[in-house]
N, C-alpha and C. Protein backbone atom coordinates (compact mmCIF):
# COMPACT_ATOMS: atom_id res chain seq x y z
N MET A 1 282.34 40.42 102.80
CA MET A 1 282.29 41.86 102.81
C MET A 1 283.63 42.44 103.19
N SER A 2 283.87 43.68 102.75
CA SER A 2 285.17 44.24 102.98
C SER A 2 285.11 45.70 103.46
N ILE A 3 286.19 46.14 104.05
CA ILE A 3 286.36 47.56 104.46
C ILE A 3 287.63 48.04 103.83
N THR A 4 287.53 49.14 103.08
CA THR A 4 288.73 49.70 102.44
C THR A 4 288.88 51.17 102.90
N THR A 5 290.10 51.64 102.85
CA THR A 5 290.33 53.09 103.18
C THR A 5 291.11 53.76 102.08
N THR A 6 290.88 55.07 101.94
CA THR A 6 291.69 55.93 101.08
C THR A 6 292.00 57.18 101.85
N ARG A 7 293.09 57.83 101.46
CA ARG A 7 293.43 59.04 102.12
C ARG A 7 293.87 60.08 101.07
N THR A 8 293.48 61.29 101.28
CA THR A 8 293.91 62.41 100.49
C THR A 8 294.25 63.55 101.39
N LEU A 9 295.47 63.58 101.84
CA LEU A 9 295.91 64.61 102.80
C LEU A 9 296.72 65.67 102.07
N LEU A 10 296.42 66.93 102.35
CA LEU A 10 297.07 68.03 101.72
C LEU A 10 298.26 68.50 102.54
N THR A 11 298.27 68.22 103.86
CA THR A 11 299.31 68.64 104.73
C THR A 11 299.78 67.40 105.53
N ARG A 12 300.71 67.64 106.40
CA ARG A 12 301.21 66.54 107.29
C ARG A 12 300.50 66.55 108.67
N SER A 13 299.62 67.50 108.90
CA SER A 13 299.05 67.67 110.23
C SER A 13 298.18 66.44 110.68
N TRP A 14 297.61 65.75 109.76
CA TRP A 14 296.72 64.64 110.14
C TRP A 14 297.41 63.23 109.83
N THR A 15 298.60 63.24 109.37
CA THR A 15 299.24 61.95 108.94
C THR A 15 299.26 60.90 110.08
N ALA A 16 299.72 61.29 111.27
CA ALA A 16 299.85 60.32 112.36
C ALA A 16 298.44 59.76 112.72
N ASP A 17 297.47 60.68 112.82
CA ASP A 17 296.12 60.24 113.17
C ASP A 17 295.55 59.31 112.12
N VAL A 18 295.69 59.62 110.83
CA VAL A 18 295.22 58.78 109.77
C VAL A 18 295.94 57.42 109.78
N ASP A 19 297.23 57.42 110.06
CA ASP A 19 297.92 56.16 110.17
C ASP A 19 297.29 55.29 111.31
N ALA A 20 296.97 55.91 112.43
CA ALA A 20 296.34 55.20 113.53
C ALA A 20 294.99 54.67 113.15
N VAL A 21 294.19 55.47 112.45
CA VAL A 21 292.86 55.07 112.02
C VAL A 21 292.93 53.89 111.07
N GLU A 22 293.83 53.96 110.05
CA GLU A 22 293.92 52.89 109.14
C GLU A 22 294.39 51.60 109.78
N THR A 23 295.33 51.69 110.71
CA THR A 23 295.80 50.53 111.47
C THR A 23 294.65 49.88 112.24
N ALA A 24 293.84 50.76 112.90
CA ALA A 24 292.73 50.26 113.68
C ALA A 24 291.65 49.57 112.78
N ILE A 25 291.41 50.21 111.64
CA ILE A 25 290.45 49.57 110.71
C ILE A 25 290.98 48.22 110.23
N GLY A 26 292.26 48.08 110.00
CA GLY A 26 292.84 46.86 109.60
C GLY A 26 292.68 45.81 110.67
N ARG A 27 292.83 46.15 111.93
CA ARG A 27 292.64 45.22 113.06
C ARG A 27 291.13 44.87 113.16
N LEU A 28 290.32 45.82 112.89
CA LEU A 28 288.88 45.59 112.97
C LEU A 28 288.42 44.48 112.05
N THR A 29 288.90 44.48 110.82
CA THR A 29 288.52 43.45 109.84
C THR A 29 289.02 42.10 110.21
N SER A 30 290.12 42.08 110.94
CA SER A 30 290.64 40.77 111.32
C SER A 30 289.90 40.12 112.51
N ARG A 31 289.22 40.99 113.32
CA ARG A 31 288.51 40.54 114.52
C ARG A 31 287.02 40.27 114.23
N ARG A 32 286.41 41.05 113.35
CA ARG A 32 284.98 40.99 113.15
C ARG A 32 284.67 41.15 111.69
N ARG A 33 283.96 40.20 111.16
CA ARG A 33 283.60 40.22 109.73
C ARG A 33 282.47 41.22 109.51
N PRO A 34 282.69 42.26 108.69
CA PRO A 34 281.67 43.25 108.39
C PRO A 34 280.54 42.60 107.59
N THR A 35 279.32 43.12 107.78
CA THR A 35 278.13 42.58 107.07
C THR A 35 277.70 43.49 105.96
N ASN A 36 278.49 44.53 105.67
CA ASN A 36 278.12 45.55 104.69
C ASN A 36 279.41 46.10 104.08
N ASP A 37 279.59 45.99 102.78
CA ASP A 37 280.82 46.59 102.21
C ASP A 37 280.91 48.04 102.57
N CYS A 38 282.13 48.49 102.84
CA CYS A 38 282.31 49.84 103.42
C CYS A 38 283.60 50.42 102.86
N ARG A 39 283.55 51.70 102.53
CA ARG A 39 284.73 52.44 102.13
C ARG A 39 284.84 53.67 103.02
N VAL A 40 286.02 53.86 103.61
CA VAL A 40 286.34 54.99 104.48
C VAL A 40 287.28 55.90 103.74
N ALA A 41 286.86 57.17 103.51
CA ALA A 41 287.74 58.15 102.84
C ALA A 41 288.11 59.17 103.92
N LEU A 42 289.45 59.38 104.06
CA LEU A 42 289.98 60.31 105.02
C LEU A 42 290.65 61.44 104.25
N PHE A 43 290.25 62.69 104.45
CA PHE A 43 290.79 63.72 103.54
C PHE A 43 290.76 65.12 104.21
N GLU A 44 291.51 65.99 103.64
CA GLU A 44 291.54 67.38 104.04
C GLU A 44 290.99 68.22 102.89
N VAL A 45 290.45 69.39 103.31
CA VAL A 45 289.83 70.34 102.34
C VAL A 45 290.60 71.62 102.49
N VAL A 46 290.94 72.22 101.34
CA VAL A 46 291.71 73.49 101.34
C VAL A 46 290.91 74.53 102.23
N GLY A 47 291.70 75.19 103.10
CA GLY A 47 291.12 76.25 103.93
C GLY A 47 290.41 75.73 105.17
N ASP A 48 290.41 74.42 105.45
CA ASP A 48 289.74 73.87 106.60
C ASP A 48 290.73 72.97 107.28
N ALA A 49 290.99 73.25 108.53
CA ALA A 49 291.98 72.47 109.32
C ALA A 49 291.53 71.12 109.82
N ASN A 50 290.22 70.86 109.70
CA ASN A 50 289.65 69.59 110.21
C ASN A 50 290.01 68.41 109.31
N LEU A 51 289.93 67.25 109.91
CA LEU A 51 290.00 65.96 109.14
C LEU A 51 288.57 65.64 108.72
N HIS A 52 288.38 65.41 107.46
CA HIS A 52 287.03 65.04 106.94
C HIS A 52 287.02 63.48 106.72
N VAL A 53 285.90 62.92 107.03
CA VAL A 53 285.75 61.46 106.88
C VAL A 53 284.43 61.13 106.22
N ASN A 54 284.46 60.40 105.11
CA ASN A 54 283.27 59.87 104.49
C ASN A 54 283.28 58.37 104.69
N VAL A 55 282.13 57.81 105.10
CA VAL A 55 282.01 56.38 105.20
C VAL A 55 280.89 55.97 104.28
N THR A 56 281.18 55.14 103.27
CA THR A 56 280.20 54.72 102.29
C THR A 56 279.93 53.24 102.48
N HIS A 57 278.63 52.93 102.67
CA HIS A 57 278.19 51.52 102.78
C HIS A 57 277.39 51.15 101.54
N ARG A 58 277.47 49.94 101.11
CA ARG A 58 276.69 49.52 99.97
C ARG A 58 275.20 49.50 100.33
N HIS A 59 274.87 49.12 101.57
CA HIS A 59 273.47 49.10 102.02
C HIS A 59 273.28 50.18 103.10
N GLN A 60 272.12 50.72 103.17
CA GLN A 60 271.77 51.76 104.14
C GLN A 60 272.01 51.30 105.56
N THR A 61 272.51 52.23 106.43
CA THR A 61 272.76 51.87 107.82
C THR A 61 272.19 52.93 108.72
N GLN A 62 272.11 52.62 110.00
CA GLN A 62 271.65 53.56 111.03
C GLN A 62 272.89 54.27 111.53
N ALA A 63 272.95 55.61 111.28
CA ALA A 63 274.12 56.37 111.63
C ALA A 63 274.17 56.68 113.14
N PRO A 64 275.35 56.48 113.73
CA PRO A 64 275.56 56.93 115.15
C PRO A 64 275.47 58.44 115.22
N SER A 65 275.28 58.96 116.40
CA SER A 65 275.23 60.38 116.63
C SER A 65 276.48 61.08 116.16
N GLY A 66 276.30 62.24 115.52
CA GLY A 66 277.44 63.05 115.09
C GLY A 66 277.73 62.91 113.62
N TRP A 67 277.11 61.96 112.93
CA TRP A 67 277.36 61.73 111.49
C TRP A 67 276.23 62.30 110.67
N ALA A 68 276.57 63.01 109.59
CA ALA A 68 275.59 63.61 108.67
C ALA A 68 275.33 62.58 107.57
N GLY A 69 274.10 62.65 107.07
CA GLY A 69 273.78 61.76 105.93
C GLY A 69 272.59 60.87 106.27
N PRO A 70 272.32 59.95 105.36
CA PRO A 70 273.16 59.61 104.24
C PRO A 70 272.81 60.37 102.95
N ALA A 71 273.83 60.54 102.14
CA ALA A 71 273.65 60.94 100.77
C ALA A 71 273.58 59.67 99.98
N VAL A 72 272.70 59.65 99.06
CA VAL A 72 272.56 58.44 98.19
C VAL A 72 273.36 58.69 96.88
N MET A 73 274.36 57.90 96.71
CA MET A 73 275.28 58.00 95.61
C MET A 73 275.31 56.72 94.84
N PRO A 74 275.82 56.68 93.59
CA PRO A 74 275.91 55.44 92.87
C PRO A 74 276.70 54.39 93.62
N GLN A 75 277.71 54.81 94.41
CA GLN A 75 278.56 53.90 95.15
C GLN A 75 277.86 53.31 96.42
N GLY A 76 276.79 54.00 96.88
CA GLY A 76 276.09 53.55 98.07
C GLY A 76 275.60 54.72 98.91
N PHE A 77 275.55 54.47 100.20
CA PHE A 77 275.05 55.45 101.13
C PHE A 77 276.20 56.08 101.91
N VAL A 78 276.35 57.39 101.78
CA VAL A 78 277.51 58.11 102.33
C VAL A 78 277.11 58.90 103.56
N HIS A 79 277.83 58.67 104.65
CA HIS A 79 277.76 59.48 105.88
C HIS A 79 279.06 60.24 105.98
N ASN A 80 279.04 61.42 106.52
CA ASN A 80 280.30 62.18 106.74
C ASN A 80 280.34 62.86 108.09
N ARG A 81 281.55 63.22 108.41
CA ARG A 81 281.80 63.83 109.73
C ARG A 81 283.17 64.51 109.61
N THR A 82 283.37 65.57 110.41
CA THR A 82 284.68 66.19 110.50
C THR A 82 285.22 66.05 111.95
N PHE A 83 286.51 66.00 112.06
CA PHE A 83 287.17 65.91 113.35
C PHE A 83 288.17 67.03 113.51
N GLY A 84 288.20 67.65 114.67
CA GLY A 84 289.17 68.72 114.97
C GLY A 84 290.12 68.23 116.00
N GLU A 85 290.18 68.96 117.10
CA GLU A 85 291.05 68.60 118.23
C GLU A 85 290.51 67.50 119.03
N MET A 86 290.81 66.25 118.63
CA MET A 86 290.31 65.05 119.28
C MET A 86 291.42 64.01 119.27
N PRO A 87 291.69 63.29 120.35
CA PRO A 87 292.72 62.28 120.35
C PRO A 87 292.43 61.18 119.31
N PRO A 88 293.46 60.65 118.70
CA PRO A 88 293.24 59.60 117.68
C PRO A 88 292.39 58.45 118.16
N ASN A 89 292.46 58.00 119.39
CA ASN A 89 291.68 56.89 119.83
C ASN A 89 290.20 57.20 119.85
N GLN A 90 289.81 58.45 120.08
CA GLN A 90 288.42 58.83 119.99
C GLN A 90 287.96 58.91 118.52
N ILE A 91 288.82 59.39 117.66
CA ILE A 91 288.44 59.41 116.22
C ILE A 91 288.24 58.00 115.76
N VAL A 92 289.10 57.10 116.15
CA VAL A 92 288.99 55.66 115.77
C VAL A 92 287.59 55.16 116.29
N ARG A 93 287.29 55.42 117.51
CA ARG A 93 286.04 54.93 118.11
C ARG A 93 284.81 55.41 117.31
N HIS A 94 284.83 56.67 116.92
CA HIS A 94 283.67 57.21 116.14
C HIS A 94 283.59 56.59 114.75
N ILE A 95 284.71 56.43 114.14
CA ILE A 95 284.77 55.81 112.77
C ILE A 95 284.33 54.36 112.89
N ARG A 96 284.82 53.63 113.89
CA ARG A 96 284.48 52.19 114.07
C ARG A 96 282.96 52.04 114.24
N GLU A 97 282.36 52.93 115.08
CA GLU A 97 280.89 52.87 115.23
C GLU A 97 280.15 53.06 113.91
N MET A 98 280.67 53.97 113.07
CA MET A 98 280.01 54.19 111.78
C MET A 98 280.23 53.01 110.83
N VAL A 99 281.46 52.51 110.81
CA VAL A 99 281.78 51.38 109.91
C VAL A 99 280.90 50.16 110.23
N LEU A 100 280.74 49.90 111.55
CA LEU A 100 279.98 48.71 112.01
C LEU A 100 278.50 48.98 112.30
N SER A 101 278.01 50.12 111.87
CA SER A 101 276.60 50.44 112.14
C SER A 101 275.67 49.45 111.49
N ALA A 102 274.53 49.26 112.14
CA ALA A 102 273.59 48.24 111.69
C ALA A 102 272.89 48.62 110.38
N ARG A 103 272.71 47.62 109.56
CA ARG A 103 271.97 47.83 108.35
C ARG A 103 270.50 48.08 108.64
N ILE A 104 269.89 48.89 107.84
CA ILE A 104 268.46 49.19 107.96
C ILE A 104 267.67 48.27 107.05
């Protein structure tokens, strides 16, 4: 199983945080083998200063608190969340919980 990330940033305001998230996700895969294919999309939306994150798993998972979804898409089960004024290490913690959430 694998974890991949994509980013679509419109400004530079989230660049350092997204760099930290992607680095942490890379370390995560080297420490713990995921049991569910997962894609993490990090992006900005015009007119919204928050960082948006979609986590898509091939198989349905139990979402940690704070995540919306799942939406059922051809790619799998999508949960999403936005982040505002939060330190990068907390953003990483929330994303890691979603990435490693238990299959249903």
